Amino acid sequence: MSCVIVAGGSVEDALVEQFARAADCIIAADRGLEALERVGIRPHIIVGDFDSASAACVSHVAD
């Protein structure tokens, strides 16, 4: 089983997508949620206080 944790930072969206699609488990940490949203991937687990992720992004995943 492989797991990827996506956090905030400056990583190309294509690289985020490549690693996330290859993983069995995807974890978004804070602003990493927005990176996954940009490439159309919903994480299995979200962690953090989300002070750096937009409210719209957080509510979209919570639905």
Protein backbone atom coordinates (compact mmCIF):
# COMPACT_ATOMS: atom_id res chain seq x y z
CA MET A 1 0.00 0.00 0.00
CA SER A 2 1.29 3.45 -0.88
CA CYS A 3 0.26 6.72 0.68
CA VAL A 4 0.93 10.30 -0.38
CA ILE A 5 0.61 13.38 1.82
CA VAL A 6 -0.01 16.60 -0.08
CA ALA A 7 0.86 19.76 1.83
CA GLY A 8 1.18 23.41 0.89
CA GLY A 9 4.17 24.60 -1.05
CA SER A 10 5.27 25.18 -4.59
CA VAL A 11 5.00 21.91 -6.47
CA GLU A 12 3.79 21.59 -10.05
CA ASP A 13 0.18 20.44 -10.32
CA ALA A 14 1.23 17.72 -12.76
CA LEU A 15 3.55 16.24 -10.14
CA VAL A 16 0.84 16.36 -7.46
CA GLU A 17 -1.54 14.59 -9.83
CA GLN A 18 1.02 11.95 -10.84
CA PHE A 19 1.85 10.96 -7.26
CA ALA A 20 -1.75 11.17 -6.01
CA ARG A 21 -3.15 9.01 -8.81
CA ALA A 22 -0.50 6.35 -8.15
CA ALA A 23 -1.21 6.22 -4.40
CA ASP A 24 -3.64 3.93 -2.60
CA CYS A 25 -4.26 6.54 0.09
CA ILE A 26 -4.25 10.32 -0.34
CA ILE A 27 -3.93 12.66 2.63
CA ALA A 28 -4.37 16.42 2.27
CA ALA A 29 -2.75 18.63 4.89
CA ASP A 30 -4.02 22.21 5.07
CA ARG A 31 -3.26 24.00 1.79
CA GLY A 32 -2.54 20.65 0.11
CA LEU A 33 -6.31 20.37 -0.17
CA GLU A 34 -6.27 23.19 -2.72
CA ALA A 35 -3.52 21.52 -4.75
CA LEU A 36 -5.59 18.35 -4.99
CA GLU A 37 -8.72 20.35 -5.84
CA ARG A 38 -6.89 22.00 -8.77
CA VAL A 39 -6.15 18.59 -10.31
CA GLY A 40 -9.59 17.16 -9.56
CA ILE A 41 -8.60 14.65 -6.89
CA ARG A 42 -10.55 14.16 -3.67
CA PRO A 43 -8.38 13.01 -0.75
CA HIS A 44 -9.26 10.07 1.47
CA ILE A 45 -8.21 11.95 4.62
CA ILE A 46 -7.89 15.67 5.39
CA VAL A 47 -5.92 16.99 8.38
CA GLY A 48 -5.00 20.38 9.77
CA ASP A 49 -6.64 23.56 10.94
CA PHE A 50 -7.24 24.74 7.33
CA ASP A 51 -6.32 28.32 8.05
CA SER A 52 -4.44 28.40 4.75
CA ALA A 53 -7.09 26.66 2.60
CA SER A 54 -10.03 28.60 1.23
CA ALA A 55 -13.41 28.12 2.88
CA ALA A 56 -14.92 27.16 -0.49
CA CYS A 57 -12.34 24.40 -0.97
CA VAL A 58 -12.88 23.00 2.53
CA SER A 59 -16.67 23.03 2.19
CA HIS A 60 -16.46 21.33 -1.22
CA VAL A 61 -14.58 18.37 0.27
CA ALA A 62 -16.87 18.23 3.30
CA ASP A 63 -19.90 17.62 1.05
